[in-house]
Amino acid sequence: MIVNGKRVKKKPLRKETRRNLPLARSRAARLRVVTRPGAELRDRQRGWLFLDGRAIPVALGRSGVRADKREGDGATPRGVWHPREVRYRADHGPRPVTGLPVRRTRPDDGWCDDPGDGRYNRPIRRPFKASHEEMWRTDGLYDLVIVLDHNARPRRARRGSAVFLHLARGAFEPTAGCIAFRRADLRRLLARMSPRTAIEVV
């Protein structure tokens, strides 16, 4: 390269390694959630998510993990799921760093859980006549929510709705079928996720 009549030696291109790759370029491709060992119901209501060899504690459904998920059974569905988007309360924390699509939760956001309605297992705007969950919660559980593709394509009536990753209540109290995390762990996980991440629940 010549600049102002002088020959200038080009600087060699920086070789990217895993160490200096931006975070968005080193997303976790597959995550695994397992229940804790033990015969008691309370053992099946808690588990671990493994990320980079580290076990992150999680709360599971009050009925444990089941392959044959049904609406209202309180079970976390067994299978491989993918994150679709993140919703967050902008008044309760900063926008999360993640490779997933992100949107702010609004006070009138809801999620239909009525198997007889055409919008079953889909987001809705409140007021809404059919049965639904409020996404703008006062208990803080949905301050950060990862929407999964469970029962999305195709959607089947009574096979479960509103299965999310969200914040845990108290000392990891069981959920209605979702997977719940400590706030710091969920933010750390979000930073490693993209739409191509697979979450295996066993």
C-alpha atoms as a PDB file:
ATOM      1  CA  MET A   1       0.000   0.000   0.000  1.00  0.00           C
ATOM      2  CA  ILE A   2       1.315   3.512  -0.896  1.00  0.00           C
ATOM      3  CA  VAL A   3       0.323   6.598   1.146  1.00  0.00           C
ATOM      4  CA  ASN A   4       1.644  10.075   0.167  1.00  0.00           C
ATOM      5  CA  GLY A   5       4.250   8.473  -2.063  1.00  0.00           C
ATOM      6  CA  LYS A   6       5.659   6.306   0.751  1.00  0.00           C
ATOM      7  CA  ARG A   7       5.384   2.587   0.974  1.00  0.00           C
ATOM      8  CA  VAL A   8       3.555   1.568   4.131  1.00  0.00           C
ATOM      9  CA  LYS A   9       3.666  -1.962   5.385  1.00  0.00           C
ATOM     10  CA  LYS A  10       0.237  -3.413   5.953  1.00  0.00           C
ATOM     11  CA  LYS A  11      -0.538  -4.631   9.422  1.00  0.00           C
ATOM     12  CA  PRO A  12      -1.360  -8.341   9.487  1.00  0.00           C
ATOM     13  CA  LEU A  13      -4.999  -9.165  10.055  1.00  0.00           C
ATOM     14  CA  ARG A  14      -5.779 -10.169  13.604  1.00  0.00           C
ATOM     15  CA  LYS A  15      -6.457 -13.868  13.800  1.00  0.00           C
ATOM     16  CA  GLU A  16      -9.609 -14.447  15.763  1.00  0.00           C
ATOM     17  CA  THR A  17      -9.609 -17.133  18.386  1.00  0.00           C
ATOM     18  CA  ARG A  18     -12.277 -18.266  20.802  1.00  0.00           C
ATOM     19  CA  ARG A  19     -10.649 -16.009  23.412  1.00  0.00           C
ATOM     20  CA  ASN A  20     -11.040 -12.783  21.449  1.00  0.00           C
ATOM     21  CA  LEU A  21     -14.247 -13.616  19.587  1.00  0.00           C
ATOM     22  CA  PRO A  22     -17.143 -11.343  20.505  1.00  0.00           C
ATOM     23  CA  LEU A  23     -19.631 -12.970  22.848  1.00  0.00           C
ATOM     24  CA  ALA A  24     -22.256 -13.121  20.103  1.00  0.00           C
ATOM     25  CA  ARG A  25     -19.904 -15.330  18.059  1.00  0.00           C
ATOM     26  CA  SER A  26     -19.473 -17.945  20.802  1.00  0.00           C
ATOM     27  CA  ARG A  27     -23.039 -18.829  21.679  1.00  0.00           C
ATOM     28  CA  ALA A  28     -23.886 -22.064  23.467  1.00  0.00           C
ATOM     29  CA  ALA A  29     -25.286 -24.500  20.892  1.00  0.00           C
ATOM     30  CA  ARG A  30     -26.870 -27.055  23.217  1.00  0.00           C
ATOM     31  CA  LEU A  31     -27.905 -26.952  26.864  1.00  0.00           C
ATOM     32  CA  ARG A  32     -29.109 -29.807  29.048  1.00  0.00           C
ATOM     33  CA  VAL A  33     -31.578 -29.735  31.941  1.00  0.00           C
ATOM     34  CA  VAL A  34     -31.762 -32.733  34.292  1.00  0.00           C
ATOM     35  CA  THR A  35     -33.694 -33.400  37.473  1.00  0.00           C
ATOM     36  CA  ARG A  36     -31.936 -33.929  40.760  1.00  0.00           C
ATOM     37  CA  PRO A  37     -31.407 -37.557  41.792  1.00  0.00           C
ATOM     38  CA  GLY A  38     -33.841 -38.827  44.394  1.00  0.00           C
ATOM     39  CA  ALA A  39     -37.165 -40.595  44.773  1.00  0.00           C
ATOM     40  CA  GLU A  40     -39.092 -37.770  46.463  1.00  0.00           C
ATOM     41  CA  LEU A  41     -41.375 -35.415  44.526  1.00  0.00           C
ATOM     42  CA  ARG A  42     -39.361 -32.433  45.750  1.00  0.00           C
ATOM     43  CA  ASP A  43     -36.298 -33.927  44.008  1.00  0.00           C
ATOM     44  CA  ARG A  44     -38.182 -34.010  40.700  1.00  0.00           C
ATOM     45  CA  GLN A  45     -39.230 -30.365  41.172  1.00  0.00           C
ATOM     46  CA  ARG A  46     -35.643 -29.131  41.055  1.00  0.00           C
ATOM     47  CA  GLY A  47     -32.842 -29.692  38.621  1.00  0.00           C
ATOM     48  CA  TRP A  48     -29.667 -28.458  36.991  1.00  0.00           C
ATOM     49  CA  LEU A  49     -28.886 -26.791  33.701  1.00  0.00           C
ATOM     50  CA  PHE A  50     -25.389 -27.528  32.449  1.00  0.00           C
ATOM     51  CA  LEU A  51     -23.486 -24.705  30.746  1.00  0.00           C
ATOM     52  CA  ASP A  52     -19.768 -25.038  29.964  1.00  0.00           C
ATOM     53  CA  GLY A  53     -19.458 -27.824  32.517  1.00  0.00           C
ATOM     54  CA  ARG A  54     -21.080 -25.754  35.256  1.00  0.00           C
ATOM     55  CA  ALA A  55     -24.308 -26.881  36.933  1.00  0.00           C
ATOM     56  CA  ILE A  56     -26.816 -24.034  37.338  1.00  0.00           C
ATOM     57  CA  PRO A  57     -29.686 -24.745  39.779  1.00  0.00           C
ATOM     58  CA  VAL A  58     -33.222 -24.474  38.390  1.00  0.00           C
ATOM     59  CA  ALA A  59     -36.793 -24.961  39.582  1.00  0.00           C
ATOM     60  CA  LEU A  60     -38.997 -27.299  37.544  1.00  0.00           C
ATOM     61  CA  GLY A  61     -42.733 -27.988  37.391  1.00  0.00           C
ATOM     62  CA  ARG A  62     -44.609 -29.066  40.496  1.00  0.00           C
ATOM     63  CA  SER A  63     -45.230 -32.463  38.807  1.00  0.00           C
ATOM     64  CA  GLY A  64     -41.655 -32.895  37.651  1.00  0.00           C
ATOM     65  CA  VAL A  65     -40.761 -33.626  34.021  1.00  0.00           C
ATOM     66  CA  ARG A  66     -43.126 -35.482  31.664  1.00  0.00           C
ATOM     67  CA  ALA A  67     -43.011 -36.382  27.980  1.00  0.00           C
ATOM     68  CA  ASP A  68     -46.809 -36.353  27.690  1.00  0.00           C
ATOM     69  CA  LYS A  69     -47.350 -32.714  28.635  1.00  0.00           C
ATOM     70  CA  ARG A  70     -50.990 -31.631  29.191  1.00  0.00           C
ATOM     71  CA  GLU A  71     -52.513 -28.237  29.885  1.00  0.00           C
ATOM     72  CA  GLY A  72     -52.634 -27.552  33.626  1.00  0.00           C
ATOM     73  CA  ASP A  73     -50.735 -30.690  34.711  1.00  0.00           C
ATOM     74  CA  GLY A  74     -47.909 -28.693  36.303  1.00  0.00           C
ATOM     75  CA  ALA A  75     -45.225 -30.654  34.445  1.00  0.00           C
ATOM     76  CA  THR A  76     -42.156 -29.385  32.620  1.00  0.00           C
ATOM     77  CA  PRO A  77     -42.221 -30.957  29.129  1.00  0.00           C
ATOM     78  CA  ARG A  78     -39.479 -33.418  28.275  1.00  0.00           C
ATOM     79  CA  GLY A  79     -37.877 -32.868  24.868  1.00  0.00           C
ATOM     80  CA  VAL A  80     -35.617 -30.530  22.918  1.00  0.00           C
ATOM     81  CA  TRP A  81     -36.805 -26.920  22.721  1.00  0.00           C
ATOM     82  CA  HIS A  82     -35.468 -23.750  21.143  1.00  0.00           C
ATOM     83  CA  PRO A  83     -35.702 -20.162  22.396  1.00  0.00           C
ATOM     84  CA  ARG A  84     -37.780 -17.852  20.204  1.00  0.00           C
ATOM     85  CA  GLU A  85     -37.498 -14.457  21.911  1.00  0.00           C
ATOM     86  CA  VAL A  86     -36.873 -12.619  25.170  1.00  0.00           C
ATOM     87  CA  ARG A  87     -39.328 -10.344  26.950  1.00  0.00           C
ATOM     88  CA  TYR A  88     -38.235  -8.068  29.771  1.00  0.00           C
ATOM     89  CA  ARG A  89     -39.608  -5.427  32.132  1.00  0.00           C
ATOM     90  CA  ALA A  90     -37.699  -2.265  31.227  1.00  0.00           C
ATOM     91  CA  ASP A  91     -38.826  -0.680  34.513  1.00  0.00           C
ATOM     92  CA  HIS A  92     -37.234  -3.554  36.484  1.00  0.00           C
ATOM     93  CA  GLY A  93     -33.841  -3.832  34.804  1.00  0.00           C
ATOM     94  CA  PRO A  94     -31.707  -3.088  31.745  1.00  0.00           C
ATOM     95  CA  ARG A  95     -32.178  -4.671  28.340  1.00  0.00           C
ATOM     96  CA  PRO A  96     -30.550  -8.115  28.438  1.00  0.00           C
ATOM     97  CA  VAL A  97     -27.453  -8.871  26.378  1.00  0.00           C
ATOM     98  CA  THR A  98     -28.356 -11.789  24.112  1.00  0.00           C
ATOM     99  CA  GLY A  99     -28.385 -13.098  20.571  1.00  0.00           C
ATOM    100  CA  LEU A 100     -32.154 -13.606  20.741  1.00  0.00           C
ATOM    101  CA  PRO A 101     -34.824 -11.167  19.547  1.00  0.00           C
ATOM    102  CA  VAL A 102     -35.750  -8.867  22.453  1.00  0.00           C
ATOM    103  CA  ARG A 103     -38.932  -6.940  23.178  1.00  0.00           C
ATOM    104  CA  ARG A 104     -40.237  -4.974  26.127  1.00  0.00           C
ATOM    105  CA  THR A 105     -43.149  -6.353  28.086  1.00  0.00           C
ATOM    106  CA  ARG A 106     -46.160  -4.034  28.144  1.00  0.00           C
ATOM    107  CA  PRO A 107     -48.786  -3.761  30.899  1.00  0.00           C
ATOM    108  CA  ASP A 108     -51.474  -5.164  28.576  1.00  0.00           C
ATOM    109  CA  ASP A 109     -49.456  -8.198  27.413  1.00  0.00           C
ATOM    110  CA  GLY A 110     -50.895 -11.641  28.053  1.00  0.00           C
ATOM    111  CA  TRP A 111     -50.587 -15.234  26.879  1.00  0.00           C
ATOM    112  CA  CYS A 112     -53.626 -17.356  25.985  1.00  0.00           C
ATOM    113  CA  ASP A 113     -53.893 -20.679  27.851  1.00  0.00           C
ATOM    114  CA  ASP A 114     -57.449 -21.570  26.784  1.00  0.00           C
ATOM    115  CA  PRO A 115     -57.319 -24.727  24.587  1.00  0.00           C
ATOM    116  CA  GLY A 116     -60.699 -23.819  23.078  1.00  0.00           C
ATOM    117  CA  ASP A 117     -59.523 -20.457  21.759  1.00  0.00           C
ATOM    118  CA  GLY A 118     -57.910 -19.952  18.338  1.00  0.00           C
ATOM    119  CA  ARG A 119     -55.061 -18.020  19.950  1.00  0.00           C
ATOM    120  CA  TYR A 120     -54.147 -20.835  22.329  1.00  0.00           C
ATOM    121  CA  ASN A 121     -50.458 -20.710  23.310  1.00  0.00           C
ATOM    122  CA  ARG A 122     -49.980 -17.358  21.634  1.00  0.00           C
ATOM    123  CA  PRO A 123     -49.382 -13.830  22.924  1.00  0.00           C
ATOM    124  CA  ILE A 124     -52.476 -11.649  23.241  1.00  0.00           C
ATOM    125  CA  ARG A 125     -53.375  -8.103  24.276  1.00  0.00           C
ATOM    126  CA  ARG A 126     -55.494  -7.553  27.357  1.00  0.00           C
ATOM    127  CA  PRO A 127     -58.357  -7.201  28.082  1.00  0.00           C
ATOM    128  CA  PHE A 128     -59.021 -10.672  26.720  1.00  0.00           C
ATOM    129  CA  LYS A 129     -62.121 -12.755  27.394  1.00  0.00           C
ATOM    130  CA  ALA A 130     -60.615 -16.239  27.179  1.00  0.00           C
ATOM    131  CA  SER A 131     -58.364 -17.666  29.907  1.00  0.00           C
ATOM    132  CA  HIS A 132     -54.855 -16.227  29.807  1.00  0.00           C
ATOM    133  CA  GLU A 133     -51.735 -15.416  31.796  1.00  0.00           C
ATOM    134  CA  GLU A 134     -50.703 -11.867  32.563  1.00  0.00           C
ATOM    135  CA  MET A 135     -47.161 -11.173  31.388  1.00  0.00           C
ATOM    136  CA  TRP A 136     -46.928  -7.955  33.448  1.00  0.00           C
ATOM    137  CA  ARG A 137     -46.712  -9.640  36.843  1.00  0.00           C
ATOM    138  CA  THR A 138     -46.394  -8.011  40.238  1.00  0.00           C
ATOM    139  CA  ASP A 139     -44.284 -10.853  41.704  1.00  0.00           C
ATOM    140  CA  GLY A 140     -41.351 -10.254  39.338  1.00  0.00           C
ATOM    141  CA  LEU A 141     -41.228 -13.795  37.921  1.00  0.00           C
ATOM    142  CA  TYR A 142     -41.641 -12.480  34.379  1.00  0.00           C
ATOM    143  CA  ASP A 143     -39.189  -9.576  34.643  1.00  0.00           C
ATOM    144  CA  LEU A 144     -37.094 -11.739  32.290  1.00  0.00           C
ATOM    145  CA  VAL A 145     -38.828 -14.355  30.134  1.00  0.00           C
ATOM    146  CA  ILE A 146     -37.471 -16.601  27.388  1.00  0.00           C
ATOM    147  CA  VAL A 147     -40.283 -17.866  25.171  1.00  0.00           C
ATOM    148  CA  LEU A 148     -39.717 -21.456  23.991  1.00  0.00           C
ATOM    149  CA  ASP A 149     -41.055 -23.165  20.880  1.00  0.00           C
ATOM    150  CA  HIS A 150     -42.864 -25.832  22.903  1.00  0.00           C
ATOM    151  CA  ASN A 151     -46.229 -26.724  21.271  1.00  0.00           C
ATOM    152  CA  ALA A 152     -45.732 -23.999  18.689  1.00  0.00           C
ATOM    153  CA  ARG A 153     -45.576 -25.706  15.278  1.00  0.00           C
ATOM    154  CA  PRO A 154     -47.958 -27.367  15.141  1.00  0.00           C
ATOM    155  CA  ARG A 155     -50.006 -26.138  18.096  1.00  0.00           C
ATOM    156  CA  ARG A 156     -52.166 -28.856  19.580  1.00  0.00           C
ATOM    157  CA  ALA A 157     -55.016 -28.207  21.991  1.00  0.00           C
ATOM    158  CA  ARG A 158     -54.353 -29.170  25.612  1.00  0.00           C
ATOM    159  CA  ARG A 159     -50.696 -30.036  24.980  1.00  0.00           C
ATOM    160  CA  GLY A 160     -49.453 -27.146  27.096  1.00  0.00           C
ATOM    161  CA  SER A 161     -49.033 -23.401  26.844  1.00  0.00           C
ATOM    162  CA  ALA A 162     -46.803 -20.619  28.163  1.00  0.00           C
ATOM    163  CA  VAL A 163     -43.785 -22.839  28.840  1.00  0.00           C
ATOM    164  CA  PHE A 164     -41.036 -20.308  29.508  1.00  0.00           C
ATOM    165  CA  LEU A 165     -37.669 -19.850  31.132  1.00  0.00           C
ATOM    166  CA  HIS A 166     -38.195 -17.195  33.813  1.00  0.00           C
ATOM    167  CA  LEU A 167     -37.084 -16.038  37.261  1.00  0.00           C
ATOM    168  CA  ALA A 168     -37.396 -18.314  40.280  1.00  0.00           C
ATOM    169  CA  ARG A 169     -39.669 -17.700  43.248  1.00  0.00           C
ATOM    170  CA  GLY A 170     -38.163 -17.837  46.751  1.00  0.00           C
ATOM    171  CA  ALA A 171     -35.859 -20.808  47.353  1.00  0.00           C
ATOM    172  CA  PHE A 172     -36.598 -22.380  43.964  1.00  0.00           C
ATOM    173  CA  GLU A 173     -40.265 -23.104  44.566  1.00  0.00           C
ATOM    174  CA  PRO A 174     -41.767 -25.381  41.874  1.00  0.00           C
ATOM    175  CA  THR A 175     -43.306 -23.799  38.788  1.00  0.00           C
ATOM    176  CA  ALA A 176     -46.482 -24.496  36.814  1.00  0.00           C
ATOM    177  CA  GLY A 177     -44.335 -26.210  34.168  1.00  0.00           C
ATOM    178  CA  CYS A 178     -41.675 -23.641  33.312  1.00  0.00           C
ATOM    179  CA  ILE A 179     -37.959 -23.690  34.165  1.00  0.00           C
ATOM    180  CA  ALA A 180     -36.952 -20.975  36.644  1.00  0.00           C
ATOM    181  CA  PHE A 181     -33.556 -19.425  37.425  1.00  0.00           C
ATOM    182  CA  ARG A 182     -31.849 -16.966  39.700  1.00  0.00           C
ATOM    183  CA  ARG A 183     -31.732 -13.550  38.033  1.00  0.00           C
ATOM    184  CA  ALA A 184     -27.933 -13.471  37.641  1.00  0.00           C
ATOM    185  CA  ASP A 185     -27.886 -16.990  36.175  1.00  0.00           C
ATOM    186  CA  LEU A 186     -30.635 -16.217  33.679  1.00  0.00           C
ATOM    187  CA  ARG A 187     -28.846 -13.080  32.482  1.00  0.00           C
ATOM    188  CA  ARG A 188     -25.621 -15.058  32.135  1.00  0.00           C
ATOM    189  CA  LEU A 189     -27.457 -17.724  30.176  1.00  0.00           C
ATOM    190  CA  LEU A 190     -29.135 -15.155  27.918  1.00  0.00           C
ATOM    191  CA  ALA A 191     -25.734 -13.787  26.931  1.00  0.00           C
ATOM    192  CA  ARG A 192     -24.852 -17.237  25.555  1.00  0.00           C
ATOM    193  CA  MET A 193     -28.087 -17.924  23.684  1.00  0.00           C
ATOM    194  CA  SER A 194     -29.212 -17.498  20.080  1.00  0.00           C
ATOM    195  CA  PRO A 195     -32.203 -18.849  18.105  1.00  0.00           C
ATOM    196  CA  ARG A 196     -30.015 -21.846  17.214  1.00  0.00           C
ATOM    197  CA  THR A 197     -29.518 -22.864  20.847  1.00  0.00           C
ATOM    198  CA  ALA A 198     -31.147 -26.172  21.733  1.00  0.00           C
ATOM    199  CA  ILE A 199     -32.387 -26.869  25.285  1.00  0.00           C
ATOM    200  CA  GLU A 200     -32.738 -30.565  26.064  1.00  0.00           C
ATOM    201  CA  VAL A 201     -34.950 -31.433  29.052  1.00  0.00           C
ATOM    202  CA  VAL A 202     -34.500 -35.022  30.206  1.00  0.00           C
END
